[in-house]
Amino acid sequence: MYQKSYPVQSIMGELFGIGQSQANEWIHTLLPILKQALDDLGYEPERDPKKFRKSEQSQKDAVDSIIDGTERRRQRPKEAKKQAIHYSGKKKTHSDKNVVIATVKKKRVSFLSQTYPGKTHDKKVAETENIAYPKHITLHKQYLRQN
């Protein structure tokens, strides 16, 4: 739940009947375990754009993949300069942004970029990452409808 909707830790505490500090402890204890489990099962996305080509080379489900930018809200920074950087211009929100590549067939997230301020355009993030793609991948900008 924490990874998907990223609630404030005090809310997490209320939901599970614990204090904010204990919620913080559990989050920091369980996140590395989750990360290791995903890696062991082969579900953790590649984070290094230069290694992406090699990691996807043998993946048959990667033939049709989608690239898209994702934004997640963040607390509004107090400092004016940081506010301007993280202000996305959409719905008056402050956010962080990542570029994601996912396979169409298995809906597997195969690449997750570094995090950028919400003001950064998706195309600029993709260009900055300089992702090395395998030759057999067809990269789509939006979801394909399957008949």
Protein backbone atom coordinates (compact mmCIF):
# COMPACT_ATOMS: atom_id res chain seq x y z
CA MET A 1 0.00 0.00 0.00
CA TYR A 2 2.81 2.40 0.88
CA GLN A 3 4.52 1.90 -2.49
CA LYS A 4 1.32 2.25 -4.50
CA SER A 5 -0.38 5.29 -2.96
CA TYR A 6 2.46 6.73 -0.85
CA PRO A 7 0.36 7.96 2.11
CA VAL A 8 1.79 10.11 4.90
CA GLN A 9 3.27 7.94 7.66
CA SER A 10 0.84 9.27 10.26
CA ILE A 11 -2.02 7.99 8.07
CA MET A 12 -0.28 4.63 7.76
CA GLY A 13 -0.07 4.52 11.55
CA GLU A 14 -3.77 5.27 11.91
CA LEU A 15 -4.70 2.57 9.39
CA PHE A 16 -2.70 -0.09 11.22
CA GLY A 17 -3.27 1.12 14.78
CA ILE A 18 0.32 2.20 15.42
CA GLY A 19 2.12 5.51 15.85
CA GLN A 20 3.87 7.45 13.08
CA SER A 21 7.34 6.56 14.36
CA GLN A 22 6.49 2.85 14.43
CA ALA A 23 5.03 3.10 10.89
CA ASN A 24 8.34 4.69 9.82
CA GLU A 25 10.30 1.82 11.40
CA TRP A 26 8.15 -0.82 9.66
CA ILE A 27 8.45 0.92 6.30
CA HIS A 28 12.25 1.05 6.59
CA THR A 29 12.35 -2.58 7.74
CA LEU A 30 10.02 -4.01 5.11
CA LEU A 31 11.01 -2.05 1.96
CA PRO A 32 14.45 -3.72 1.63
CA ILE A 33 12.80 -7.13 2.09
CA LEU A 34 10.25 -6.33 -0.62
CA LYS A 35 13.01 -5.07 -2.94
CA GLN A 36 15.04 -8.26 -2.42
CA ALA A 37 11.99 -10.50 -2.96
CA LEU A 38 11.12 -8.72 -6.22
CA ASP A 39 14.73 -9.05 -7.37
CA ASP A 40 14.87 -12.76 -6.45
CA LEU A 41 11.66 -13.39 -8.43
CA GLY A 42 12.91 -11.39 -11.41
CA TYR A 43 10.23 -8.69 -11.10
CA GLU A 44 12.35 -5.72 -10.13
CA PRO A 45 12.68 -3.28 -13.06
CA GLU A 46 16.07 -2.32 -14.43
CA ARG A 47 17.16 1.09 -13.12
CA ASP A 48 20.37 1.50 -15.14
CA PRO A 49 19.54 2.70 -18.69
CA LYS A 50 22.81 1.30 -20.04
CA LYS A 51 22.04 -2.22 -18.72
CA PHE A 52 18.46 -2.24 -20.04
CA ARG A 53 19.43 -3.62 -23.48
CA LYS A 54 21.20 -6.62 -21.98
CA SER A 55 18.56 -7.34 -19.33
CA GLU A 56 15.72 -7.36 -21.92
CA GLN A 57 17.60 -9.11 -24.73
CA SER A 58 16.27 -12.57 -23.86
CA GLN A 59 12.78 -11.48 -22.73
CA LYS A 60 10.25 -12.67 -25.32
CA ASP A 61 7.40 -10.64 -23.78
CA ALA A 62 9.35 -7.41 -24.41
CA VAL A 63 8.69 -7.40 -28.18
CA ASP A 64 5.85 -4.89 -27.72
CA SER A 65 6.56 -2.42 -24.94
CA ILE A 66 5.12 0.91 -23.84
CA ILE A 67 7.03 3.96 -22.65
CA ASP A 68 5.25 6.52 -20.51
CA GLY A 69 5.93 9.14 -17.88
CA THR A 70 4.39 8.78 -14.44
CA GLU A 71 3.85 11.53 -11.91
CA ARG A 72 3.25 11.16 -8.22
CA ARG A 73 2.24 13.92 -5.91
CA ARG A 74 4.61 15.14 -3.26
CA GLN A 75 4.29 17.48 -0.36
CA ARG A 76 4.61 21.08 -1.46
CA PRO A 77 8.17 22.23 -0.70
CA LYS A 78 8.43 25.23 1.64
CA GLU A 79 11.34 26.83 -0.26
CA ALA A 80 10.14 28.90 -3.24
CA LYS A 81 12.93 27.69 -5.57
CA LYS A 82 12.08 24.02 -4.89
CA GLN A 83 8.37 24.80 -5.32
CA ALA A 84 9.02 26.09 -8.82
CA ILE A 85 11.06 23.00 -9.77
CA HIS A 86 8.49 20.48 -8.52
CA TYR A 87 5.39 22.36 -9.71
CA SER A 88 4.12 20.30 -12.63
CA GLY A 89 1.54 22.81 -13.87
CA LYS A 90 -1.13 20.10 -13.84
CA LYS A 91 -3.98 20.60 -11.41
CA LYS A 92 -1.79 22.91 -9.31
CA THR A 93 0.21 20.00 -7.89
CA HIS A 94 3.82 19.50 -6.92
CA SER A 95 5.15 16.16 -8.07
CA ASP A 96 8.04 13.89 -8.93
CA LYS A 97 8.32 12.11 -12.26
CA ASN A 98 9.73 8.84 -13.62
CA VAL A 99 9.71 7.24 -17.06
CA VAL A 100 8.52 3.64 -17.13
CA ILE A 101 8.81 0.98 -19.83
CA ALA A 102 6.33 -1.89 -19.50
CA THR A 103 5.62 -4.93 -21.65
CA VAL A 104 2.22 -5.11 -23.34
CA LYS A 105 1.77 -8.87 -23.09
CA LYS A 106 2.60 -9.53 -19.43
CA LYS A 107 2.28 -5.93 -18.17
CA ARG A 108 5.71 -6.26 -16.59
CA VAL A 109 7.54 -3.05 -15.67
CA SER A 110 10.94 -3.63 -17.24
CA PHE A 111 12.55 -0.22 -16.73
CA LEU A 112 12.13 2.56 -14.17
CA SER A 113 14.09 5.78 -14.62
CA GLN A 114 15.63 7.90 -11.92
CA THR A 115 13.30 10.41 -10.27
CA TYR A 116 13.01 13.91 -11.72
CA PRO A 117 11.11 17.03 -10.61
CA GLY A 118 7.50 17.15 -11.86
CA LYS A 119 8.21 20.16 -14.07
CA THR A 120 10.48 18.04 -16.32
CA HIS A 121 8.79 16.88 -19.55
CA ASP A 122 8.52 13.11 -20.16
CA LYS A 123 10.51 13.35 -23.40
CA LYS A 124 13.30 15.27 -21.66
CA VAL A 125 13.49 12.56 -18.95
CA ALA A 126 13.74 9.82 -21.61
CA GLU A 127 16.44 11.75 -23.50
CA THR A 128 18.42 12.44 -20.32
CA GLU A 129 18.29 8.78 -19.31
CA ASN A 130 19.70 7.78 -22.74
CA ILE A 131 18.17 4.30 -22.54
CA ALA A 132 19.83 1.54 -24.58
CA TYR A 133 17.03 -0.52 -26.18
CA PRO A 134 17.28 -4.06 -27.57
CA LYS A 135 16.71 -4.20 -31.36
CA HIS A 136 13.75 -6.59 -31.12
CA ILE A 137 11.60 -4.20 -29.05
CA THR A 138 8.88 -2.10 -30.64
CA LEU A 139 8.33 0.84 -28.32
CA HIS A 140 4.86 2.40 -28.24
CA LYS A 141 3.89 5.74 -26.70
CA GLN A 142 0.51 4.59 -25.45
CA TYR A 143 -1.35 1.40 -24.72
CA LEU A 144 -2.25 -0.78 -27.70
CA ARG A 145 -5.75 -2.19 -27.91
CA GLN A 146 -5.77 -5.92 -28.46
CA ASN A 147 -8.74 -7.32 -30.40
